[in-house]
Amino acid sequence: MKKRLTGIELRPQSLSAIELTRSGKSFVVSKTANIDFDDGEDDHKLPGAVRQLLSREGFSRKAAFAIAPPDNCVFFNQVNTALPHVNQIRSVLKSQIEDSVPLPFEDIVADIGDHVGSEEGQGQRNVLAVAMNRSKLTSILNAFEGAGVQPDIVTPAVSALHTVAKSAPIDINNENFVLLHFDQFRTFMVFYKKGVQVLVRTMNPLHTAAGNNPLSRDLALGWRRVFGFSMPEDAQLLISADDTHSSDVLNEIVGQKYFVSLDSMFKPAQQLGAEQCVPASLAILAKENERPNFVRSLEDERNAVRQPVGYFITAGIMLLLLIGVAATRLWVTLDRLESINHEIDKAIEEQFRKVMPEESLLFPVDQLRNETEKLRQQRENIAAIVGKQNNPVSLLSVFNQSIPEGYEIEIDRIIASANSMEIEGEAGSFGQAEEIPKILDQLEYFDDVNIDLSSRSGTSKVGFKLKITVHS
């Protein structure tokens, strides 16, 4: 979020600007300026004033900019709708106000005049619509963009005044009340229903003389139009005015009055002039995105025009990408599988040649399986012929297989016959040596197993001599 915030109010022949710097939740006034437009063609008045603001007055181009167009360029209209969501209301807003604003349909840039939320509504409700001429909006944007500034918000001055309303000493959320703003340029009368702006009246600057102003009458008429009943004596009125308006005029108004201002939002606290109230409200508004914004409306229109084409193009590109990715993955997988298959074939051939060097390589797996079956059958035939004959090789094999894994047994000498066998050697410890006859006694091949132990000098190993009698 940008630290510098600039609010600019445009008038038919001048502009007022203020630059604020955020300091925690407060603001510091960095610069203020009031610039009259030079005489000349209208197309050059605003660009010249903007260049003067940025160059001579030193306003930062890096700030967030919120701009209010002249009051006579903005049109307000009440819309009665049953649509529940903000985006749905915005999508049909131009067609609903077409007959109520003095602009051709194609020249209307419209937005909702207040933040009404996206929650489901109950039945019909009133929504404030704001609109302005497309060409006027474009000329404002071009004037700033030509000076190197991209405006963030273009909004009606009265919409920015909600910032002032939020400084009220009462809770205004979901409340019915009226905001009255007085300055030397005009008077704003803004009706809020359940905390949302629903009706705006723009009047000439209020005269201080009592008895000859239409304020009380218009206030009563507006209240009845919005709420459908006479304005009660305890109606809440928020009054934004300087000392010149603390007069008998306000005493004629019925209601509970609360004076509001932005002064407490500044550090150090200071009193702004009446001509700086709207620019300061705009500057504070530049850090938010709740209020109406004609810049956003233009962007929404451009996106709506590009959206169908964009969707088709994006879908086509995504489809091509998916096809390309799928084809690539399929090719890579196929190539990898072919490589693995080649390595397997090569390994099979090598093993086949080791086992059956004279055979032709036709069906290696089946040929090896058949050869293995032949060898197994030969082994079984030999075992059947030998039976349980006590040949020395078989007895020695049984002895070796019976020694547990991890035992350190070294054989020095073997004397074997058909019915006995003597084995001399070394064991890693007395415990290992003593376990050997216990293990051999459990085998069906041996009838009697005796062991003699002797210690070998100069080594930790234990010598042993086994005498084994074999079953006949």
Protein backbone atom coordinates (compact mmCIF):
# COMPACT_ATOMS: atom_id res chain seq x y z
CA MET A 1 0.00 0.00 0.00
CA LYS A 2 1.34 3.46 -0.92
CA LYS A 3 2.30 5.72 1.94
CA ARG A 4 1.48 9.00 0.19
CA LEU A 5 -2.15 9.75 -0.66
CA THR A 6 -3.37 12.61 -2.83
CA GLY A 7 -6.95 13.85 -3.14
CA ILE A 8 -7.93 16.29 -5.89
CA GLU A 9 -11.33 17.94 -6.33
CA LEU A 10 -11.96 19.34 -9.80
CA ARG A 11 -14.24 22.30 -10.31
CA PRO A 12 -15.28 24.04 -13.54
CA GLN A 13 -12.46 26.63 -13.31
CA SER A 14 -10.10 25.38 -10.60
CA LEU A 15 -8.88 22.44 -8.55
CA SER A 16 -8.09 21.88 -4.86
CA ALA A 17 -5.54 19.27 -3.85
CA ILE A 18 -4.04 17.86 -0.68
CA GLU A 19 -1.25 15.33 -0.18
CA LEU A 20 -1.26 13.23 2.97
CA THR A 21 1.31 10.88 4.44
CA ARG A 22 0.08 7.91 6.42
CA SER A 23 1.46 7.69 9.96
CA GLY A 24 0.03 4.61 11.63
CA LYS A 25 -3.74 5.15 11.76
CA SER A 26 -3.35 8.93 11.42
CA PHE A 27 -2.33 11.23 8.59
CA VAL A 28 0.08 14.12 8.19
CA VAL A 29 -0.64 16.94 5.75
CA SER A 30 2.33 17.16 3.40
CA LYS A 31 1.10 19.69 0.84
CA THR A 32 -2.01 21.64 -0.12
CA ALA A 33 -2.75 23.61 -3.26
CA ASN A 34 -5.55 25.59 -4.91
CA ILE A 35 -4.95 26.20 -8.61
CA ASP A 36 -7.11 28.28 -10.94
CA PHE A 37 -7.26 27.19 -14.54
CA ASP A 38 -5.56 29.41 -17.10
CA ASP A 39 -7.60 31.10 -19.78
CA GLY A 40 -7.62 29.26 -23.07
CA GLU A 41 -9.13 26.22 -24.68
CA ASP A 42 -10.84 23.79 -22.34
CA ASP A 43 -8.70 20.87 -23.55
CA HIS A 44 -5.58 22.60 -22.20
CA LYS A 45 -6.88 23.98 -18.91
CA LEU A 46 -6.79 20.80 -16.81
CA PRO A 47 -3.52 19.38 -18.24
CA GLY A 48 -1.79 22.68 -17.51
CA ALA A 49 -3.09 22.76 -13.94
CA VAL A 50 -2.02 19.15 -13.36
CA ARG A 51 1.51 19.89 -14.60
CA GLN A 52 1.66 22.91 -12.31
CA LEU A 53 0.48 20.81 -9.37
CA LEU A 54 3.21 18.21 -9.90
CA SER A 55 6.06 20.48 -10.97
CA ARG A 56 5.65 23.84 -9.28
CA GLU A 57 3.74 22.65 -6.20
CA GLY A 58 5.88 19.51 -5.84
CA PHE A 59 3.13 16.91 -5.40
CA SER A 60 4.54 13.37 -5.63
CA ARG A 61 3.78 11.32 -8.74
CA LYS A 62 4.25 8.14 -6.68
CA ALA A 63 1.26 8.81 -4.44
CA ALA A 64 -2.11 7.07 -4.73
CA PHE A 65 -4.46 9.52 -6.49
CA ALA A 66 -8.21 9.86 -5.89
CA ILE A 67 -10.02 12.46 -8.01
CA ALA A 68 -13.51 13.95 -7.89
CA PRO A 69 -14.84 15.34 -11.18
CA PRO A 70 -16.82 18.60 -11.18
CA ASP A 71 -20.28 18.24 -9.60
CA ASN A 72 -22.00 19.20 -12.86
CA CYS A 73 -20.41 16.17 -14.59
CA VAL A 74 -21.93 13.64 -12.20
CA PHE A 75 -25.50 12.32 -12.17
CA PHE A 76 -27.30 10.45 -9.37
CA ASN A 77 -30.29 8.19 -9.64
CA GLN A 78 -32.17 5.80 -7.37
CA VAL A 79 -32.53 2.25 -8.66
CA ASN A 80 -35.02 -0.23 -7.25
CA THR A 81 -33.76 -3.79 -7.68
CA ALA A 82 -34.31 -7.32 -6.43
CA LEU A 83 -30.90 -8.56 -7.60
CA PRO A 84 -29.00 -9.91 -4.60
CA HIS A 85 -25.36 -9.40 -5.60
CA VAL A 86 -23.29 -6.30 -6.42
CA ASN A 87 -21.86 -7.68 -9.65
CA GLN A 88 -25.33 -8.54 -10.91
CA ILE A 89 -26.56 -5.01 -10.18
CA ARG A 90 -23.55 -3.44 -11.90
CA SER A 91 -24.04 -5.56 -15.02
CA VAL A 92 -27.50 -4.03 -15.70
CA LEU A 93 -26.98 -0.61 -14.14
CA LYS A 94 -26.59 1.35 -17.39
CA SER A 95 -29.82 0.01 -18.85
CA GLN A 96 -31.70 0.87 -15.65
CA ILE A 97 -30.60 4.53 -15.57
CA GLU A 98 -30.52 5.15 -19.32
CA ASP A 99 -33.81 7.06 -19.30
CA SER A 100 -32.94 9.03 -16.16
CA VAL A 101 -29.61 10.64 -17.08
CA PRO A 102 -29.03 13.20 -19.91
CA LEU A 103 -26.47 11.00 -21.68
CA PRO A 104 -26.59 8.64 -24.65
CA PHE A 105 -26.40 5.01 -23.61
CA GLU A 106 -22.97 4.49 -25.18
CA ASP A 107 -21.56 7.53 -23.30
CA ILE A 108 -22.67 6.38 -19.82
CA VAL A 109 -20.04 5.21 -17.34
CA ALA A 110 -21.90 4.02 -14.23
CA ASP A 111 -21.26 2.47 -10.86
CA ILE A 112 -23.11 1.78 -7.63
CA GLY A 113 -23.01 4.88 -5.45
CA ASP A 114 -22.13 3.10 -2.25
CA HIS A 115 -20.79 -0.20 -0.99
CA VAL A 116 -23.90 -2.33 -0.53
CA GLY A 117 -22.22 -5.67 0.18
CA SER A 118 -22.54 -9.00 -1.63
CA GLU A 119 -24.84 -10.81 0.76
CA GLU A 120 -28.26 -12.01 -0.28
CA GLY A 121 -30.87 -9.26 -0.21
CA GLN A 122 -34.44 -9.64 0.96
CA GLY A 123 -36.84 -8.57 -1.80
CA GLN A 124 -36.65 -5.11 -3.36
CA ARG A 125 -34.14 -2.53 -2.21
CA ASN A 126 -33.03 0.95 -3.23
CA VAL A 127 -29.53 1.42 -4.63
CA LEU A 128 -27.89 4.73 -5.50
CA ALA A 129 -26.44 4.82 -9.02
CA VAL A 130 -23.80 7.36 -10.11
CA ALA A 131 -22.92 8.14 -13.71
CA MET A 132 -20.79 10.49 -15.78
CA ASN A 133 -19.96 11.18 -19.42
CA ARG A 134 -17.37 8.84 -20.93
CA SER A 135 -15.59 11.55 -22.88
CA LYS A 136 -15.30 13.77 -19.80
CA LEU A 137 -13.88 10.89 -17.79
CA THR A 138 -11.42 10.10 -20.57
CA SER A 139 -10.23 13.71 -20.74
CA ILE A 140 -9.60 13.71 -16.97
CA LEU A 141 -7.63 10.47 -17.13
CA ASN A 142 -5.65 11.69 -20.14
CA ALA A 143 -4.73 14.93 -18.38
CA PHE A 144 -3.18 13.04 -15.47
CA GLU A 145 -1.66 10.24 -17.51
CA GLY A 146 -0.03 12.85 -19.76
CA ALA A 147 1.73 14.19 -16.65
CA GLY A 148 2.92 10.72 -15.63
CA VAL A 149 0.19 9.91 -13.11
CA GLN A 150 -2.19 6.94 -13.23
CA PRO A 151 -5.31 7.85 -11.17
CA ASP A 152 -6.43 5.05 -8.86
CA ILE A 153 -9.94 6.35 -8.18
CA VAL A 154 -12.30 8.77 -9.91
CA THR A 155 -15.39 9.16 -7.74
CA PRO A 156 -18.06 11.78 -6.99
CA ALA A 157 -17.12 14.26 -4.26
CA VAL A 158 -20.21 13.32 -2.26
CA SER A 159 -19.15 9.66 -2.22
CA ALA A 160 -15.82 10.63 -0.66
CA LEU A 161 -17.68 12.40 2.13
CA HIS A 162 -18.53 9.02 3.64
CA THR A 163 -15.04 9.30 5.14
CA VAL A 164 -16.30 12.32 7.10
CA ALA A 165 -19.45 10.44 8.16
CA LYS A 166 -17.32 7.66 9.65
CA SER A 167 -15.79 10.18 12.07
CA ALA A 168 -19.20 10.68 13.73
CA PRO A 169 -19.41 10.17 17.50
CA ILE A 170 -22.20 7.63 16.93
CA ASP A 171 -22.32 4.22 15.29
CA ILE A 172 -23.57 4.71 11.72
CA ASN A 173 -23.50 1.06 10.65
CA ASN A 174 -26.98 -0.06 9.55
CA GLU A 175 -28.42 3.25 10.78
CA ASN A 176 -30.74 5.76 9.08
CA PHE A 177 -29.36 9.31 9.08
CA VAL A 178 -28.61 12.37 6.93
CA LEU A 179 -25.21 13.94 6.23
CA LEU A 180 -25.25 17.70 5.55
CA HIS A 181 -22.05 19.18 4.13
CA PHE A 182 -21.64 22.93 3.71
CA ASP A 183 -18.82 24.80 1.96
CA GLN A 184 -18.49 27.90 -0.22
CA PHE A 185 -19.09 25.90 -3.42
CA ARG A 186 -22.33 23.99 -2.68
CA THR A 187 -24.40 22.14 -0.10
CA PHE A 188 -24.66 18.34 -0.08
CA MET A 189 -27.63 16.56 1.46
CA VAL A 190 -26.97 12.81 1.62
CA PHE A 191 -29.58 10.34 2.92
CA TYR A 192 -28.36 7.05 4.38
CA LYS A 193 -30.58 4.01 4.77
CA LYS A 194 -29.16 1.23 6.94
CA GLY A 195 -25.73 2.87 6.68
CA VAL A 196 -25.75 3.10 2.88
CA GLN A 197 -26.12 6.21 0.69
CA VAL A 198 -29.44 6.03 -1.18
CA LEU A 199 -30.26 9.65 -2.13
CA VAL A 200 -28.14 12.73 -2.85
CA ARG A 201 -29.24 16.35 -3.24
CA THR A 202 -26.75 18.96 -4.45
CA MET A 203 -27.80 22.54 -3.67
CA ASN A 204 -26.35 26.01 -4.02
CA PRO A 205 -24.18 27.38 -1.19
CA LEU A 206 -26.36 27.98 1.84
CA HIS A 207 -27.00 31.54 2.91
CA THR A 208 -26.67 32.21 6.62
CA ALA A 209 -29.83 34.22 6.87
CA ALA A 210 -32.67 32.32 8.47
CA GLY A 211 -36.15 32.04 7.04
CA ASN A 212 -35.28 32.24 3.32
CA ASN A 213 -33.60 28.90 2.58
CA PRO A 214 -35.12 25.66 1.31
CA LEU A 215 -33.01 23.40 3.56
CA SER A 216 -35.71 22.31 6.02
CA ARG A 217 -38.26 21.72 3.27
CA ASP A 218 -35.88 19.65 1.08
CA LEU A 219 -34.74 17.68 4.10
CA ALA A 220 -38.33 16.74 4.98
CA LEU A 221 -39.17 15.87 1.36
CA GLY A 222 -36.05 13.71 0.95
CA TRP A 223 -36.70 11.85 4.19
CA ARG A 224 -40.27 11.00 3.15
CA ARG A 225 -39.08 9.87 -0.27
CA VAL A 226 -36.48 7.52 1.21
CA PHE A 227 -38.28 6.17 4.26
CA GLY A 228 -41.95 6.68 3.39
CA PHE A 229 -42.89 8.65 6.51
CA SER A 230 -42.39 12.11 7.97
CA MET A 231 -39.02 12.98 9.38
CA PRO A 232 -39.06 12.37 13.18
CA GLU A 233 -37.79 14.94 15.64
CA ASP A 234 -35.04 12.57 16.80
CA ALA A 235 -33.69 11.90 13.27
CA GLN A 236 -29.89 11.75 13.32
CA LEU A 237 -28.17 14.54 11.37
CA LEU A 238 -24.41 14.64 10.76
CA ILE A 239 -23.25 18.16 9.94
CA SER A 240 -19.98 18.93 8.17
CA ALA A 241 -19.48 22.70 8.23
CA ASP A 242 -17.05 25.42 9.27
CA ASP A 243 -17.81 28.12 11.84
CA THR A 244 -19.59 30.35 9.32
CA HIS A 245 -22.49 27.90 9.22
CA SER A 246 -23.05 27.72 12.96
CA SER A 247 -25.99 30.01 12.59
CA ASP A 248 -29.75 30.24 12.88
CA VAL A 249 -30.07 28.26 9.64
CA LEU A 250 -29.10 25.04 11.38
CA ASN A 251 -31.38 25.83 14.29
CA GLU A 252 -34.38 25.61 11.96
CA ILE A 253 -33.61 21.95 11.24
CA VAL A 254 -35.38 19.24 13.24
CA GLY A 255 -33.31 16.33 14.56
CA GLN A 256 -30.38 15.29 16.72
CA LYS A 257 -27.34 17.11 15.33
CA TYR A 258 -23.76 15.88 15.47
CA PHE A 259 -20.92 17.95 14.02
CA VAL A 260 -18.34 15.86 12.18
CA SER A 261 -14.93 16.61 10.68
CA LEU A 262 -11.66 14.94 9.72
CA ASP A 263 -9.59 17.08 12.11
CA SER A 264 -8.99 14.31 14.66
CA MET A 265 -7.56 12.03 11.97
CA PHE A 266 -4.50 14.26 11.50
CA LYS A 267 -1.32 14.33 13.52
CA PRO A 268 -0.93 16.88 14.92
CA ALA A 269 -4.66 17.60 15.07
CA GLN A 270 -5.51 20.53 12.81
CA GLN A 271 -8.50 22.27 11.36
CA LEU A 272 -8.81 22.07 7.60
CA GLY A 273 -10.38 24.81 5.59
CA ALA A 274 -13.80 24.13 4.09
CA GLU A 275 -12.30 23.95 0.59
CA GLN A 276 -9.94 21.15 1.75
CA CYS A 277 -12.57 18.83 3.27
CA VAL A 278 -13.45 17.04 0.04
CA PRO A 279 -9.80 16.71 -1.20
CA ALA A 280 -8.79 15.34 2.22
CA SER A 281 -11.69 12.88 2.13
CA LEU A 282 -10.58 11.79 -1.33
CA ALA A 283 -6.98 11.31 -0.20
CA ILE A 284 -8.07 9.10 2.71
CA LEU A 285 -10.36 7.27 0.30
CA ALA A 286 -7.36 6.45 -1.92
CA LYS A 287 -6.31 3.70 0.50
CA GLU A 288 -9.72 2.00 0.31
CA ASN A 289 -11.71 0.30 -2.43
CA GLU A 290 -15.28 0.41 -1.14
CA ARG A 291 -16.72 3.50 -2.80
CA PRO A 292 -17.82 3.94 -6.45
CA ASN A 293 -14.94 4.20 -8.89
CA PHE A 294 -15.38 5.19 -12.53
CA VAL A 295 -11.87 3.92 -13.31
CA ARG A 296 -12.93 0.46 -12.18
CA SER A 297 -16.12 0.74 -14.26
CA LEU A 298 -14.07 1.40 -17.41
CA GLU A 299 -11.85 -1.58 -16.63
CA ASP A 300 -14.90 -3.79 -16.09
CA GLU A 301 -16.28 -2.73 -19.49
CA ARG A 302 -13.00 -3.50 -21.24
CA ASN A 303 -12.76 -6.87 -19.52
CA ALA A 304 -16.36 -7.69 -20.48
CA VAL A 305 -15.53 -6.98 -24.14
CA ARG A 306 -12.35 -9.03 -24.05
CA GLN A 307 -13.72 -11.77 -21.86
CA PRO A 308 -15.43 -14.08 -24.41
CA VAL A 309 -12.54 -13.85 -26.86
CA GLY A 310 -10.10 -14.21 -24.03
CA TYR A 311 -11.90 -17.29 -22.76
CA PHE A 312 -11.83 -18.98 -26.17
CA ILE A 313 -8.20 -18.09 -26.76
CA THR A 314 -7.20 -19.21 -23.29
CA ALA A 315 -9.18 -22.44 -23.64
CA GLY A 316 -7.56 -23.13 -27.03
CA ILE A 317 -4.09 -22.45 -25.71
CA MET A 318 -4.71 -24.62 -22.66
CA LEU A 319 -6.04 -27.43 -24.86
CA LEU A 320 -2.97 -27.27 -27.12
CA LEU A 321 -0.71 -27.21 -24.09
CA LEU A 322 -2.47 -30.21 -22.58
CA ILE A 323 -2.22 -32.13 -25.86
CA GLY A 324 1.45 -31.20 -26.15
CA VAL A 325 2.18 -32.23 -22.58
CA ALA A 326 0.29 -35.51 -22.99
CA ALA A 327 2.09 -36.31 -26.26
CA THR A 328 5.46 -35.47 -24.75
CA ARG A 329 4.82 -37.59 -21.68
CA LEU A 330 3.63 -40.49 -23.86
CA TRP A 331 6.74 -40.27 -26.06
CA VAL A 332 9.07 -40.05 -23.06
CA THR A 333 7.34 -43.00 -21.37
CA LEU A 334 7.44 -45.10 -24.52
CA ASP A 335 11.12 -44.31 -25.10
CA ARG A 336 11.94 -45.18 -21.48
CA LEU A 337 10.03 -48.45 -21.65
CA GLU A 338 11.75 -49.41 -24.89
CA SER A 339 15.11 -48.70 -23.31
CA ILE A 340 14.26 -50.81 -20.26
CA ASN A 341 12.98 -53.61 -22.49
CA HIS A 342 16.21 -53.54 -24.48
CA GLU A 343 18.28 -53.80 -21.29
CA ILE A 344 16.18 -56.74 -20.08
CA ASP A 345 16.57 -58.56 -23.41
CA LYS A 346 20.31 -57.99 -23.26
CA ALA A 347 20.57 -59.31 -19.69
CA ILE A 348 18.48 -62.39 -20.56
CA GLU A 349 20.70 -63.14 -23.56
CA GLU A 350 23.88 -62.85 -21.44
CA GLN A 351 22.53 -65.25 -18.82
CA PHE A 352 21.23 -67.60 -21.50
CA ARG A 353 24.66 -67.81 -23.13
CA LYS A 354 26.29 -68.58 -19.78
CA VAL A 355 23.92 -71.45 -19.09
CA MET A 356 23.23 -72.77 -22.60
CA PRO A 357 26.00 -71.57 -24.91
CA GLU A 358 25.22 -74.17 -27.59
CA GLU A 359 21.49 -73.52 -27.86
CA SER A 360 19.85 -71.15 -30.35
CA LEU A 361 18.24 -68.12 -28.73
CA LEU A 362 14.57 -68.37 -29.67
CA PHE A 363 12.41 -68.17 -26.54
CA PRO A 364 15.00 -67.61 -23.79
CA VAL A 365 12.65 -67.60 -20.81
CA ASP A 366 10.92 -70.83 -21.81
CA GLN A 367 14.25 -72.47 -22.73
CA LEU A 368 15.81 -71.52 -19.36
CA ARG A 369 12.72 -72.70 -17.52
CA ASN A 370 12.89 -76.10 -19.29
CA GLU A 371 16.60 -76.42 -18.56
CA THR A 372 16.03 -75.58 -14.89
CA GLU A 373 13.33 -78.23 -14.72
CA LYS A 374 15.71 -80.82 -16.22
CA LEU A 375 18.42 -79.98 -13.65
CA ARG A 376 15.93 -80.19 -10.79
CA GLN A 377 14.76 -83.60 -12.03
CA GLN A 378 18.36 -84.84 -12.27
CA ARG A 379 19.05 -83.69 -8.71
CA GLU A 380 16.00 -85.55 -7.42
CA ASN A 381 17.05 -88.73 -9.27
CA ILE A 382 20.57 -88.58 -7.79
CA ALA A 383 19.18 -88.00 -4.30
CA ALA A 384 16.90 -91.00 -4.69
CA ILE A 385 19.85 -93.18 -5.67
CA VAL A 386 22.12 -91.94 -2.84
CA GLY A 387 19.34 -92.01 -0.22
CA LYS A 388 20.67 -91.54 3.30
CA GLN A 389 24.10 -92.96 2.66
CA ASN A 390 26.65 -91.53 5.03
CA ASN A 391 29.20 -90.28 2.54
CA PRO A 392 31.77 -87.84 3.98
CA VAL A 393 30.83 -85.02 1.62
CA SER A 394 27.19 -85.10 2.71
CA LEU A 395 28.14 -85.27 6.41
CA LEU A 396 30.52 -82.31 6.09
CA SER A 397 27.83 -80.35 4.27
CA VAL A 398 25.37 -81.05 7.08
CA PHE A 399 27.96 -79.96 9.65
CA ASN A 400 28.64 -76.66 7.86
CA GLN A 401 24.94 -75.85 7.44
CA SER A 402 24.24 -76.46 11.14
CA ILE A 403 26.72 -73.82 12.43
CA PRO A 404 24.73 -70.64 13.32
CA GLU A 405 25.49 -67.43 11.49
CA GLY A 406 28.01 -65.26 13.35
CA TYR A 407 29.95 -68.13 14.95
CA GLU A 408 33.71 -67.93 14.36
CA ILE A 409 34.54 -71.56 13.51
CA GLU A 410 37.77 -72.49 11.75
CA ILE A 411 38.37 -76.15 10.71
CA ASP A 412 42.00 -77.39 10.80
CA ARG A 413 41.61 -81.15 10.15
CA ILE A 414 38.84 -83.65 9.27
CA ILE A 415 39.01 -87.44 9.48
CA ALA A 416 35.86 -89.02 8.08
CA SER A 417 34.67 -92.59 7.55
CA ALA A 418 31.30 -94.20 6.87
CA ASN A 419 30.29 -94.32 10.58
CA SER A 420 32.35 -91.61 12.28
CA MET A 421 33.98 -88.28 11.82
CA GLU A 422 36.64 -86.36 13.76
CA ILE A 423 36.91 -82.59 13.36
CA GLU A 424 39.64 -80.41 14.87
CA GLY A 425 39.48 -76.64 14.81
CA GLU A 426 39.00 -73.38 16.68
CA ALA A 427 35.99 -71.50 17.99
CA GLY A 428 35.73 -67.79 18.81
CA SER A 429 34.90 -68.49 22.46
CA PHE A 430 34.21 -71.29 24.97
CA GLY A 431 30.51 -70.54 24.64
CA GLN A 432 30.53 -71.07 20.87
CA ALA A 433 32.56 -74.27 21.24
CA GLU A 434 30.22 -75.68 23.90
CA GLU A 435 27.15 -74.95 21.71
CA ILE A 436 28.43 -77.04 18.77
CA PRO A 437 27.70 -80.55 20.26
CA LYS A 438 24.29 -79.35 21.48
CA ILE A 439 23.39 -78.28 17.96
CA LEU A 440 24.71 -81.47 16.32
CA ASP A 441 22.89 -83.73 18.81
CA GLN A 442 19.59 -82.42 17.50
CA LEU A 443 20.30 -83.63 13.95
CA GLU A 444 19.10 -87.05 12.84
CA TYR A 445 22.35 -87.80 11.06
CA PHE A 446 24.51 -87.96 14.20
CA ASP A 447 24.21 -90.55 16.98
CA ASP A 448 26.80 -89.38 19.52
CA VAL A 449 28.76 -86.13 19.67
CA ASN A 450 31.67 -85.51 22.08
CA ILE A 451 33.94 -82.51 22.28
CA ASP A 452 37.29 -81.82 23.92
CA LEU A 453 38.25 -78.20 24.56
CA SER A 454 41.71 -76.74 24.91
CA SER A 455 42.94 -73.15 25.25
CA ARG A 456 45.37 -71.89 22.65
CA SER A 457 48.16 -69.75 24.12
CA GLY A 458 48.69 -66.31 22.54
CA THR A 459 45.15 -66.14 21.18
CA SER A 460 41.63 -65.65 22.51
CA LYS A 461 40.23 -68.50 20.44
CA VAL A 462 39.36 -71.92 21.89
CA GLY A 463 40.58 -75.17 20.32
CA PHE A 464 38.22 -78.09 20.06
CA LYS A 465 38.20 -81.72 18.92
CA LEU A 466 34.88 -83.24 17.92
CA LYS A 467 34.28 -86.98 17.81
CA ILE A 468 31.05 -87.79 16.01
CA THR A 469 29.35 -91.16 15.59
CA VAL A 470 27.04 -91.42 12.61
CA HIS A 471 23.81 -93.40 12.33
CA SER A 472 24.36 -96.55 10.33
